[in-house]
Amino acid sequence: SNIVPWQLLAERTGARLRYVPVTGDSGLLDLTGLDDLLAGA
């Protein structure tokens, strides 16, 4: 529910999707590269 609506928006507008990675089975967000991922968002 928090992926598909944004995929549809990207298709309508030409926007691009990026994802903050998950660190495997430990289930935590890997925030080390968040500043780069936020660029242009």
PDB file of all heavy atoms in Angstrom:
ATOM      1  N   SER A   1       0.815  -1.216   0.000  1.00  0.00           N
ATOM      2  CA  SER A   1       0.000   0.000   0.000  1.00  0.00           C
ATOM      3  C   SER A   1       0.845   1.259   0.000  1.00  0.00           C
ATOM      4  O   SER A   1       0.337   2.335  -0.363  1.00  0.00           O
ATOM      5  CB  SER A   1      -0.929   0.006   1.222  1.00  0.00           C
ATOM      6  OG  SER A   1      -1.900  -1.003   1.120  1.00  0.00           O
ATOM      7  N   ASN A   2       2.108   1.143   0.419  1.00  0.00           N
ATOM      8  CA  ASN A   2       2.992   2.290   0.402  1.00  0.00           C
ATOM      9  C   ASN A   2       4.063   2.154  -0.680  1.00  0.00           C
ATOM     10  O   ASN A   2       5.108   2.798  -0.616  1.00  0.00           O
ATOM     11  CB  ASN A   2       3.662   2.501   1.769  1.00  0.00           C
ATOM     12  CG  ASN A   2       4.103   3.939   1.984  1.00  0.00           C
ATOM     13  OD1 ASN A   2       3.548   4.871   1.410  1.00  0.00           O
ATOM     14  ND2 ASN A   2       5.120   4.120   2.817  1.00  0.00           N
ATOM     15  N   ILE A   3       3.790   1.317  -1.667  1.00  0.00           N
ATOM     16  CA  ILE A   3       4.641   1.188  -2.852  1.00  0.00           C
ATOM     17  C   ILE A   3       3.842   1.455  -4.116  1.00  0.00           C
ATOM     18  O   ILE A   3       4.195   2.319  -4.927  1.00  0.00           O
ATOM     19  CB  ILE A   3       5.300  -0.207  -2.926  1.00  0.00           C
ATOM     20  CG1 ILE A   3       6.269  -0.424  -1.755  1.00  0.00           C
ATOM     21  CG2 ILE A   3       6.029  -0.385  -4.256  1.00  0.00           C
ATOM     22  CD1 ILE A   3       6.905  -1.806  -1.732  1.00  0.00           C
ATOM     23  N   VAL A   4       2.734   0.714  -4.271  1.00  0.00           N
ATOM     24  CA  VAL A   4       1.986   0.760  -5.529  1.00  0.00           C
ATOM     25  C   VAL A   4       1.466   2.163  -5.866  1.00  0.00           C
ATOM     26  O   VAL A   4       1.586   2.605  -7.021  1.00  0.00           O
ATOM     27  CB  VAL A   4       0.848  -0.277  -5.518  1.00  0.00           C
ATOM     28  CG1 VAL A   4       0.017  -0.181  -6.796  1.00  0.00           C
ATOM     29  CG2 VAL A   4       1.414  -1.687  -5.358  1.00  0.00           C
ATOM     30  N   PRO A   5       0.877   2.917  -4.921  1.00  0.00           N
ATOM     31  CA  PRO A   5       0.420   4.272  -5.291  1.00  0.00           C
ATOM     32  C   PRO A   5       1.546   5.164  -5.807  1.00  0.00           C
ATOM     33  O   PRO A   5       1.322   5.995  -6.696  1.00  0.00           O
ATOM     34  CB  PRO A   5      -0.164   4.817  -3.978  1.00  0.00           C
ATOM     35  CG  PRO A   5      -0.533   3.601  -3.195  1.00  0.00           C
ATOM     36  CD  PRO A   5       0.518   2.588  -3.523  1.00  0.00           C
ATOM     37  N   TRP A   6       2.747   4.984  -5.281  1.00  0.00           N
ATOM     38  CA  TRP A   6       3.881   5.801  -5.726  1.00  0.00           C
ATOM     39  C   TRP A   6       4.420   5.311  -7.064  1.00  0.00           C
ATOM     40  O   TRP A   6       4.900   6.127  -7.870  1.00  0.00           O
ATOM     41  CB  TRP A   6       4.967   5.805  -4.653  1.00  0.00           C
ATOM     42  CG  TRP A   6       4.414   6.172  -3.310  1.00  0.00           C
ATOM     43  CD1 TRP A   6       4.391   5.416  -2.189  1.00  0.00           C
ATOM     44  CD2 TRP A   6       3.765   7.411  -2.964  1.00  0.00           C
ATOM     45  NE1 TRP A   6       3.778   6.087  -1.153  1.00  0.00           N
ATOM     46  CE2 TRP A   6       3.387   7.314  -1.598  1.00  0.00           C
ATOM     47  CE3 TRP A   6       3.481   8.586  -3.659  1.00  0.00           C
ATOM     48  CZ2 TRP A   6       2.730   8.351  -0.932  1.00  0.00           C
ATOM     49  CZ3 TRP A   6       2.830   9.614  -2.998  1.00  0.00           C
ATOM     50  CH2 TRP A   6       2.462   9.491  -1.652  1.00  0.00           C
ATOM     51  N   GLN A   7       4.336   4.005  -7.307  1.00  0.00           N
ATOM     52  CA  GLN A   7       4.679   3.512  -8.641  1.00  0.00           C
ATOM     53  C   GLN A   7       3.744   4.105  -9.692  1.00  0.00           C
ATOM     54  O   GLN A   7       4.182   4.527 -10.773  1.00  0.00           O
ATOM     55  CB  GLN A   7       4.595   1.982  -8.677  1.00  0.00           C
ATOM     56  CG  GLN A   7       5.684   1.277  -7.888  1.00  0.00           C
ATOM     57  CD  GLN A   7       5.507  -0.230  -7.885  1.00  0.00           C
ATOM     58  OE1 GLN A   7       4.410  -0.743  -8.105  1.00  0.00           O
ATOM     59  NE2 GLN A   7       6.580  -0.951  -7.600  1.00  0.00           N
ATOM     60  N   LEU A   8       2.457   4.137  -9.375  1.00  0.00           N
ATOM     61  CA  LEU A   8       1.492   4.710 -10.314  1.00  0.00           C
ATOM     62  C   LEU A   8       1.739   6.193 -10.516  1.00  0.00           C
ATOM     63  O   LEU A   8       1.632   6.712 -11.639  1.00  0.00           O
ATOM     64  CB  LEU A   8       0.063   4.462  -9.797  1.00  0.00           C
ATOM     65  CG  LEU A   8      -0.379   3.002  -9.719  1.00  0.00           C
ATOM     66  CD1 LEU A   8      -1.742   2.899  -9.041  1.00  0.00           C
ATOM     67  CD2 LEU A   8      -0.429   2.380 -11.112  1.00  0.00           C
ATOM     68  N   LEU A   9       2.084   6.907  -9.432  1.00  0.00           N
ATOM     69  CA  LEU A   9       2.404   8.328  -9.557  1.00  0.00           C
ATOM     70  C   LEU A   9       3.639   8.518 -10.434  1.00  0.00           C
ATOM     71  O   LEU A   9       3.677   9.431 -11.280  1.00  0.00           O
ATOM     72  CB  LEU A   9       2.633   8.924  -8.169  1.00  0.00           C
ATOM     73  CG  LEU A   9       3.088  10.390  -8.126  1.00  0.00           C
ATOM     74  CD1 LEU A   9       2.055  11.309  -8.794  1.00  0.00           C
ATOM     75  CD2 LEU A   9       3.373  10.830  -6.690  1.00  0.00           C
ATOM     76  N   ALA A  10       4.650   7.685 -10.247  1.00  0.00           N
ATOM     77  CA  ALA A  10       5.861   7.790 -11.066  1.00  0.00           C
ATOM     78  C   ALA A  10       5.551   7.546 -12.542  1.00  0.00           C
ATOM     79  O   ALA A  10       6.089   8.229 -13.428  1.00  0.00           O
ATOM     80  CB  ALA A  10       6.911   6.798 -10.567  1.00  0.00           C
ATOM     81  N   GLU A  11       4.669   6.596 -12.799  1.00  0.00           N
ATOM     82  CA  GLU A  11       4.281   6.338 -14.194  1.00  0.00           C
ATOM     83  C   GLU A  11       3.551   7.531 -14.796  1.00  0.00           C
ATOM     84  O   GLU A  11       3.739   7.857 -15.971  1.00  0.00           O
ATOM     85  CB  GLU A  11       3.398   5.091 -14.264  1.00  0.00           C
ATOM     86  CG  GLU A  11       4.140   3.784 -13.974  1.00  0.00           C
ATOM     87  CD  GLU A  11       3.189   2.604 -13.913  1.00  0.00           C
ATOM     88  OE1 GLU A  11       1.975   2.792 -14.181  1.00  0.00           O
ATOM     89  OE2 GLU A  11       3.656   1.487 -13.587  1.00  0.00           O
ATOM     90  N   ARG A  12       2.720   8.197 -14.000  1.00  0.00           N
ATOM     91  CA  ARG A  12       1.973   9.346 -14.510  1.00  0.00           C
ATOM     92  C   ARG A  12       2.864  10.557 -14.753  1.00  0.00           C
ATOM     93  O   ARG A  12       2.599  11.353 -15.659  1.00  0.00           O
ATOM     94  CB  ARG A  12       0.863   9.743 -13.528  1.00  0.00           C
ATOM     95  CG  ARG A  12      -0.259   8.747 -13.402  1.00  0.00           C
ATOM     96  CD  ARG A  12      -1.468   9.349 -12.684  1.00  0.00           C
ATOM     97  NE  ARG A  12      -1.182   9.870 -11.358  1.00  0.00           N
ATOM     98  CZ  ARG A  12      -1.240   9.156 -10.240  1.00  0.00           C
ATOM     99  NH1 ARG A  12      -1.550   7.873 -10.299  1.00  0.00           N
ATOM    100  NH2 ARG A  12      -0.983   9.719  -9.062  1.00  0.00           N
ATOM    101  N   THR A  13       3.885  10.714 -13.919  1.00  0.00           N
ATOM    102  CA  THR A  13       4.627  11.971 -13.916  1.00  0.00           C
ATOM    103  C   THR A  13       6.044  11.875 -14.471  1.00  0.00           C
ATOM    104  O   THR A  13       6.659  12.899 -14.775  1.00  0.00           O
ATOM    105  CB  THR A  13       4.726  12.510 -12.481  1.00  0.00           C
ATOM    106  OG1 THR A  13       5.451  11.562 -11.676  1.00  0.00           O
ATOM    107  CG2 THR A  13       3.344  12.745 -11.887  1.00  0.00           C
ATOM    108  N   GLY A  14       6.574  10.665 -14.563  1.00  0.00           N
ATOM    109  CA  GLY A  14       7.972  10.528 -14.947  1.00  0.00           C
ATOM    110  C   GLY A  14       8.927  10.656 -13.786  1.00  0.00           C
ATOM    111  O   GLY A  14      10.143  10.814 -13.977  1.00  0.00           O
ATOM    112  N   ALA A  15       8.422  10.594 -12.574  1.00  0.00           N
ATOM    113  CA  ALA A  15       9.280  10.609 -11.391  1.00  0.00           C
ATOM    114  C   ALA A  15      10.011   9.272 -11.265  1.00  0.00           C
ATOM    115  O   ALA A  15       9.675   8.284 -11.929  1.00  0.00           O
ATOM    116  CB  ALA A  15       8.459  10.892 -10.140  1.00  0.00           C
ATOM    117  N   ARG A  16      10.997   9.234 -10.379  1.00  0.00           N
ATOM    118  CA  ARG A  16      11.795   8.033 -10.164  1.00  0.00           C
ATOM    119  C   ARG A  16      11.660   7.568  -8.718  1.00  0.00           C
ATOM    120  O   ARG A  16      11.503   8.384  -7.803  1.00  0.00           O
ATOM    121  CB  ARG A  16      13.277   8.319 -10.465  1.00  0.00           C
ATOM    122  CG  ARG A  16      13.563   8.649 -11.923  1.00  0.00           C
ATOM    123  CD  ARG A  16      15.020   9.074 -12.113  1.00  0.00           C
ATOM    124  NE  ARG A  16      15.289  10.356 -11.451  1.00  0.00           N
ATOM    125  CZ  ARG A  16      16.379  10.605 -10.736  1.00  0.00           C
ATOM    126  NH1 ARG A  16      17.276   9.657 -10.539  1.00  0.00           N
ATOM    127  NH2 ARG A  16      16.566  11.801 -10.200  1.00  0.00           N
ATOM    128  N   LEU A  17      11.720   6.254  -8.505  1.00  0.00           N
ATOM    129  CA  LEU A  17      11.635   5.674  -7.169  1.00  0.00           C
ATOM    130  C   LEU A  17      13.030   5.288  -6.677  1.00  0.00           C
ATOM    131  O   LEU A  17      13.839   4.755  -7.442  1.00  0.00           O
ATOM    132  CB  LEU A  17      10.735   4.443  -7.170  1.00  0.00           C
ATOM    133  CG  LEU A  17       9.268   4.656  -7.553  1.00  0.00           C
ATOM    134  CD1 LEU A  17       8.551   3.321  -7.592  1.00  0.00           C
ATOM    135  CD2 LEU A  17       8.583   5.599  -6.591  1.00  0.00           C
ATOM    136  N   ARG A  18      13.272   5.557  -5.413  1.00  0.00           N
ATOM    137  CA  ARG A  18      14.469   5.063  -4.737  1.00  0.00           C
ATOM    138  C   ARG A  18      14.043   4.389  -3.439  1.00  0.00           C
ATOM    139  O   ARG A  18      12.973   4.687  -2.893  1.00  0.00           O
ATOM    140  CB  ARG A  18      15.426   6.213  -4.398  1.00  0.00           C
ATOM    141  CG  ARG A  18      16.195   6.798  -5.555  1.00  0.00           C
ATOM    142  CD  ARG A  18      17.182   7.842  -5.030  1.00  0.00           C
ATOM    143  NE  ARG A  18      17.724   8.654  -6.112  1.00  0.00           N
ATOM    144  CZ  ARG A  18      18.119   9.904  -5.977  1.00  0.00           C
ATOM    145  NH1 ARG A  18      18.033  10.489  -4.777  1.00  0.00           N
ATOM    146  NH2 ARG A  18      18.602  10.574  -6.992  1.00  0.00           N
ATOM    147  N   TYR A  19      14.937   3.525  -2.933  1.00  0.00           N
ATOM    148  CA  TYR A  19      14.612   2.766  -1.724  1.00  0.00           C
ATOM    149  C   TYR A  19      15.765   2.787  -0.731  1.00  0.00           C
ATOM    150  O   TYR A  19      16.917   2.537  -1.097  1.00  0.00           O
ATOM    151  CB  TYR A  19      14.272   1.310  -2.078  1.00  0.00           C
ATOM    152  CG  TYR A  19      12.963   1.168  -2.816  1.00  0.00           C
ATOM    153  CD1 TYR A  19      12.920   1.283  -4.209  1.00  0.00           C
ATOM    154  CD2 TYR A  19      11.772   0.955  -2.131  1.00  0.00           C
ATOM    155  CE1 TYR A  19      11.713   1.179  -4.889  1.00  0.00           C
ATOM    156  CE2 TYR A  19      10.570   0.844  -2.806  1.00  0.00           C
ATOM    157  CZ  TYR A  19      10.546   0.959  -4.181  1.00  0.00           C
ATOM    158  OH  TYR A  19       9.358   0.857  -4.857  1.00  0.00           O
ATOM    159  N   VAL A  20      15.431   3.067   0.523  1.00  0.00           N
ATOM    160  CA  VAL A  20      16.390   2.903   1.608  1.00  0.00           C
ATOM    161  C   VAL A  20      16.512   1.408   1.876  1.00  0.00           C
ATOM    162  O   VAL A  20      15.497   0.733   2.100  1.00  0.00           O
ATOM    163  CB  VAL A  20      15.922   3.631   2.879  1.00  0.00           C
ATOM    164  CG1 VAL A  20      16.928   3.433   4.015  1.00  0.00           C
ATOM    165  CG2 VAL A  20      15.703   5.116   2.599  1.00  0.00           C
ATOM    166  N   PRO A  21      17.730   0.852   1.864  1.00  0.00           N
ATOM    167  CA  PRO A  21      17.862  -0.605   2.003  1.00  0.00           C
ATOM    168  C   PRO A  21      17.608  -1.098   3.424  1.00  0.00           C
ATOM    169  O   PRO A  21      17.725  -0.355   4.405  1.00  0.00           O
ATOM    170  CB  PRO A  21      19.310  -0.867   1.578  1.00  0.00           C
ATOM    171  CG  PRO A  21      20.019   0.419   1.820  1.00  0.00           C
ATOM    172  CD  PRO A  21      19.021   1.507   1.583  1.00  0.00           C
ATOM    173  N   VAL A  22      17.264  -2.380   3.510  1.00  0.00           N
ATOM    174  CA  VAL A  22      17.097  -3.095   4.774  1.00  0.00           C
ATOM    175  C   VAL A  22      18.310  -3.997   4.963  1.00  0.00           C
ATOM    176  O   VAL A  22      18.786  -4.633   4.015  1.00  0.00           O
ATOM    177  CB  VAL A  22      15.799  -3.928   4.774  1.00  0.00           C
ATOM    178  CG1 VAL A  22      15.722  -4.824   5.996  1.00  0.00           C
ATOM    179  CG2 VAL A  22      14.580  -3.014   4.714  1.00  0.00           C
ATOM    180  N   THR A  23      18.789  -4.064   6.191  1.00  0.00           N
ATOM    181  CA  THR A  23      20.011  -4.819   6.474  1.00  0.00           C
ATOM    182  C   THR A  23      19.699  -6.277   6.789  1.00  0.00           C
ATOM    183  O   THR A  23      19.879  -6.745   7.920  1.00  0.00           O
ATOM    184  CB  THR A  23      20.774  -4.192   7.652  1.00  0.00           C
ATOM    185  OG1 THR A  23      19.892  -4.153   8.791  1.00  0.00           O
ATOM    186  CG2 THR A  23      21.220  -2.787   7.324  1.00  0.00           C
ATOM    187  N   GLY A  24      19.211  -7.016   5.799  1.00  0.00           N
ATOM    188  CA  GLY A  24      19.015  -8.454   5.934  1.00  0.00           C
ATOM    189  C   GLY A  24      18.054  -8.846   7.027  1.00  0.00           C
ATOM    190  O   GLY A  24      17.112  -8.115   7.357  1.00  0.00           O
ATOM    191  N   ASP A  25      18.308 -10.025   7.644  1.00  0.00           N
ATOM    192  CA  ASP A  25      17.394 -10.580   8.633  1.00  0.00           C
ATOM    193  C   ASP A  25      17.277  -9.706   9.877  1.00  0.00           C
ATOM    194  O   ASP A  25      16.297  -9.807  10.613  1.00  0.00           O
ATOM    195  CB  ASP A  25      17.847 -11.979   9.050  1.00  0.00           C
ATOM    196  CG  ASP A  25      17.621 -13.019   7.958  1.00  0.00           C
ATOM    197  OD1 ASP A  25      17.235 -12.618   6.843  1.00  0.00           O
ATOM    198  OD2 ASP A  25      17.848 -14.211   8.225  1.00  0.00           O
ATOM    199  N   SER A  26      18.260  -8.849  10.154  1.00  0.00           N
ATOM    200  CA  SER A  26      18.187  -7.995  11.338  1.00  0.00           C
ATOM    201  C   SER A  26      17.065  -6.975  11.235  1.00  0.00           C
ATOM    202  O   SER A  26      16.599  -6.435  12.236  1.00  0.00           O
ATOM    203  CB  SER A  26      19.512  -7.270  11.569  1.00  0.00           C
ATOM    204  OG  SER A  26      19.779  -6.370  10.516  1.00  0.00           O
ATOM    205  N   GLY A  27      16.625  -6.686   9.995  1.00  0.00           N
ATOM    206  CA  GLY A  27      15.412  -5.908   9.797  1.00  0.00           C
ATOM    207  C   GLY A  27      15.506  -4.442  10.091  1.00  0.00           C
ATOM    208  O   GLY A  27      14.479  -3.783  10.282  1.00  0.00           O
ATOM    209  N   LEU A  28      16.698  -3.873  10.116  1.00  0.00           N
ATOM    210  CA  LEU A  28      16.851  -2.446  10.366  1.00  0.00           C
ATOM    211  C   LEU A  28      17.122  -1.716   9.057  1.00  0.00           C
ATOM    212  O   LEU A  28      17.664  -2.290   8.100  1.00  0.00           O
ATOM    213  CB  LEU A  28      18.003  -2.188  11.337  1.00  0.00           C
ATOM    214  CG  LEU A  28      17.868  -2.830  12.718  1.00  0.00           C
ATOM    215  CD1 LEU A  28      19.139  -2.587  13.523  1.00  0.00           C
ATOM    216  CD2 LEU A  28      16.653  -2.297  13.450  1.00  0.00           C
ATOM    217  N   LEU A  29      16.744  -0.455   8.995  1.00  0.00           N
ATOM    218  CA  LEU A  29      17.068   0.360   7.838  1.00  0.00           C
ATOM    219  C   LEU A  29      18.554   0.720   7.867  1.00  0.00           C
ATOM    220  O   LEU A  29      19.091   1.099   8.912  1.00  0.00           O
ATOM    221  CB  LEU A  29      16.228   1.639   7.826  1.00  0.00           C
ATOM    222  CG  LEU A  29      14.730   1.488   7.583  1.00  0.00           C
ATOM    223  CD1 LEU A  29      14.055   2.849   7.647  1.00  0.00           C
ATOM    224  CD2 LEU A  29      14.447   0.822   6.237  1.00  0.00           C
ATOM    225  N   ASP A  30      19.196   0.609   6.702  1.00  0.00           N
ATOM    226  CA  ASP A  30      20.576   1.055   6.558  1.00  0.00           C
ATOM    227  C   ASP A  30      20.540   2.532   6.178  1.00  0.00           C
ATOM    228  O   ASP A  30      20.280   2.887   5.030  1.00  0.00           O
ATOM    229  CB  ASP A  30      21.280   0.232   5.477  1.00  0.00           C
ATOM    230  CG  ASP A  30      22.729   0.652   5.280  1.00  0.00           C
ATOM    231  OD1 ASP A  30      23.168   1.613   5.942  1.00  0.00           O
ATOM    232  OD2 ASP A  30      23.415   0.029   4.451  1.00  0.00           O
ATOM    233  N   LEU A  31      20.797   3.385   7.156  1.00  0.00           N
ATOM    234  CA  LEU A  31      20.667   4.831   6.967  1.00  0.00           C
ATOM    235  C   LEU A  31      21.999   5.510   6.654  1.00  0.00           C
ATOM    236  O   LEU A  31      22.064   6.746   6.606  1.00  0.00           O
ATOM    237  CB  LEU A  31      20.049   5.462   8.218  1.00  0.00           C
ATOM    238  CG  LEU A  31      18.649   4.945   8.590  1.00  0.00           C
ATOM    239  CD1 LEU A  31      18.189   5.571   9.908  1.00  0.00           C
ATOM    240  CD2 LEU A  31      17.647   5.225   7.486  1.00  0.00           C
ATOM    241  N   THR A  32      23.030   4.712   6.401  1.00  0.00           N
ATOM    242  CA  THR A  32      24.347   5.312   6.171  1.00  0.00           C
ATOM    243  C   THR A  32      24.378   6.176   4.921  1.00  0.00           C
ATOM    244  O   THR A  32      25.120   7.158   4.857  1.00  0.00           O
ATOM    245  CB  THR A  32      25.427   4.225   6.078  1.00  0.00           C
ATOM    246  OG1 THR A  32      25.056   3.279   5.042  1.00  0.00           O
ATOM    247  CG2 THR A  32      25.574   3.486   7.406  1.00  0.00           C
ATOM    248  N   GLY A  33      23.578   5.838   3.907  1.00  0.00           N
ATOM    249  CA  GLY A  33      23.564   6.612   2.673  1.00  0.00           C
ATOM    250  C   GLY A  33      22.323   7.449   2.488  1.00  0.00           C
ATOM    251  O   GLY A  33      21.995   7.844   1.363  1.00  0.00           O
ATOM    252  N   LEU A  34      21.610   7.747   3.602  1.00  0.00           N
ATOM    253  CA  LEU A  34      20.324   8.423   3.480  1.00  0.00           C
ATOM    254  C   LEU A  34      20.446   9.808   2.840  1.00  0.00           C
ATOM    255  O   LEU A  34      19.596  10.186   2.017  1.00  0.00           O
ATOM    256  CB  LEU A  34      19.660   8.544   4.853  1.00  0.00           C
ATOM    257  CG  LEU A  34      18.289   9.227   4.858  1.00  0.00           C
ATOM    258  CD1 LEU A  34      17.299   8.481   3.970  1.00  0.00           C
ATOM    259  CD2 LEU A  34      17.749   9.345   6.282  1.00  0.00           C
ATOM    260  N   ASP A  35      21.482  10.555   3.180  1.00  0.00           N
ATOM    261  CA  ASP A  35      21.605  11.899   2.620  1.00  0.00           C
ATOM    262  C   ASP A  35      21.699  11.858   1.096  1.00  0.00           C
ATOM    263  O   ASP A  35      21.098  12.688   0.404  1.00  0.00           O
ATOM    264  CB  ASP A  35      22.827  12.607   3.202  1.00  0.00           C
ATOM    265  CG  ASP A  35      22.631  13.005   4.662  1.00  0.00           C
ATOM    266  OD1 ASP A  35      21.464  13.086   5.084  1.00  0.00           O
ATOM    267  OD2 ASP A  35      23.629  13.212   5.356  1.00  0.00           O
ATOM    268  N   ASP A  36      22.438  10.896   0.568  1.00  0.00           N
ATOM    269  CA  ASP A  36      22.529  10.760  -0.887  1.00  0.00           C
ATOM    270  C   ASP A  36      21.186  10.338  -1.482  1.00  0.00           C
ATOM    271  O   ASP A  36      20.795  10.825  -2.550  1.00  0.00           O
ATOM    272  CB  ASP A  36      23.608   9.739  -1.261  1.00  0.00           C
ATOM    273  CG  ASP A  36      25.016  10.233  -0.954  1.00  0.00           C
ATOM    274  OD1 ASP A  36      25.205  11.462  -0.893  1.00  0.00           O
ATOM    275  OD2 ASP A  36      25.909   9.391  -0.761  1.00  0.00           O
ATOM    276  N   LEU A  37      20.476   9.446  -0.797  1.00  0.00           N
ATOM    277  CA  LEU A  37      19.177   8.989  -1.302  1.00  0.00           C
ATOM    278  C   LEU A  37      18.152  10.116  -1.299  1.00  0.00           C
ATOM    279  O   LEU A  37      17.248  10.157  -2.138  1.00  0.00           O
ATOM    280  CB  LEU A  37      18.674   7.818  -0.455  1.00  0.00           C
ATOM    281  CG  LEU A  37      19.446   6.505  -0.593  1.00  0.00           C
ATOM    282  CD1 LEU A  37      19.006   5.515   0.481  1.00  0.00           C
ATOM    283  CD2 LEU A  37      19.235   5.899  -1.981  1.00  0.00           C
ATOM    284  N   LEU A  38      18.268  11.046  -0.348  1.00  0.00           N
ATOM    285  CA  LEU A  38      17.328  12.160  -0.260  1.00  0.00           C
ATOM    286  C   LEU A  38      17.568  13.222  -1.334  1.00  0.00           C
ATOM    287  O   LEU A  38      16.677  14.036  -1.605  1.00  0.00           O
ATOM    288  CB  LEU A  38      17.428  12.821   1.115  1.00  0.00           C
ATOM    289  CG  LEU A  38      16.796  12.055   2.292  1.00  0.00           C
ATOM    290  CD1 LEU A  38      17.212  12.676   3.616  1.00  0.00           C
ATOM    291  CD2 LEU A  38      15.277  12.008   2.173  1.00  0.00           C
ATOM    292  N   ALA A  39      18.728  13.209  -1.965  1.00  0.00           N
ATOM    293  CA  ALA A  39      19.041  14.221  -2.976  1.00  0.00           C
ATOM    294  C   ALA A  39      18.045  14.158  -4.129  1.00  0.00           C
ATOM    295  O   ALA A  39      17.853  13.108  -4.737  1.00  0.00           O
ATOM    296  CB  ALA A  39      20.460  14.015  -3.494  1.00  0.00           C
ATOM    297  N   GLY A  40      17.391  15.273  -4.406  1.00  0.00           N
ATOM    298  CA  GLY A  40      16.431  15.335  -5.496  1.00  0.00           C
ATOM    299  C   GLY A  40      15.056  14.789  -5.173  1.00  0.00           C
ATOM    300  O   GLY A  40      14.175  14.751  -6.038  1.00  0.00           O
ATOM    301  N   ALA A  41      14.850  14.370  -3.926  1.00  0.00           N
ATOM    302  CA  ALA A  41      13.558  13.783  -3.558  1.00  0.00           C
ATOM    303  C   ALA A  41      12.523  14.875  -3.325  1.00  0.00           C
ATOM    304  O   ALA A  41      12.816  15.944  -2.790  1.00  0.00           O
ATOM    305  CB  ALA A  41      13.705  12.924  -2.308  1.00  0.00           C
TER     306      ALA A  41
END
